[in-house]
């Protein structure tokens, strides 16, 4: 046959979503610029809605390709794994930039920041670092526990076999452990919001000092990644309930697990550097 498939690769069907996604992103970008210049936020919000719709529809198409077809061959699955690994590597470099900025001003006070780093200290005089053993430590325990529950869910999923007679019971354990992981992610975000409220009450803002900028940009982007990861896990939770994953085919679950463990590791570095480091190495005394 002229159109018979004689290779292991998946040639995707024509899709409108790349075009719609590009237009939506452009509208969101221009709308955001207008909004930041004291204009109306309507175009930024419309662009954001368009991007969210494209994300849902495009990934829904990928899920359909993975279910009930031979599109995701072993070779394609390897490509998907490699692609997601490269994505995580790019995220690692993204956070390297924020750590670089933090240590640059923490270890070497720059002349151009003298007005922000009063007295040559970091954090500047009058700015107190957070007590790392309060909410930050609780959040660390929450993320470490969530990593344990997610790993346990993954192990149960790997052990799940359609012919063992207890697949429904095993899937139930996967669902429960994954649900606990999602709840822990939500609790982390709530604790992060409480910490930000405390920071605002103490007068620490994004514009206050270079310490404030480093603190909010690093922890804020991490919190955004926790939000994305929690949504990622909720989607996997729904798919587990629908029976999409098997012991042999669960790339979506693997990707979510890798992403979540990456978020955990980044937080450990943030906790050690920005919280413990700021409270002990760069200044004496924390509130």
Foldseek 3Di string as FASTA:
>chain_A
DVPDDDDLAADDDDDCLVVQLVVLVVQLVVLVVQVVVVHDNVSNVSSVVSNVVSVVVVVVVVLVCLPPHSNCPVVNLVVVVVVLVVVLVVVVVVLVVLVVLVCCCQVPPDPVQCVQQPPSFVVRPLDFFAQLVDLVVVLLVLLVVLLVLLVVLLVLQLVQDPPPVCNVVSLVSSLVSLVSSLVSLVVSLVSVVVVVVVCVVSVQDCPRHSLSVSVCVNVVVLNVLSVVLSVLSVVVSVCSVVVSGHSVDDSSSVSSSVSSVSSSVSSVVCSVPSRVVSDPVRDDDHD
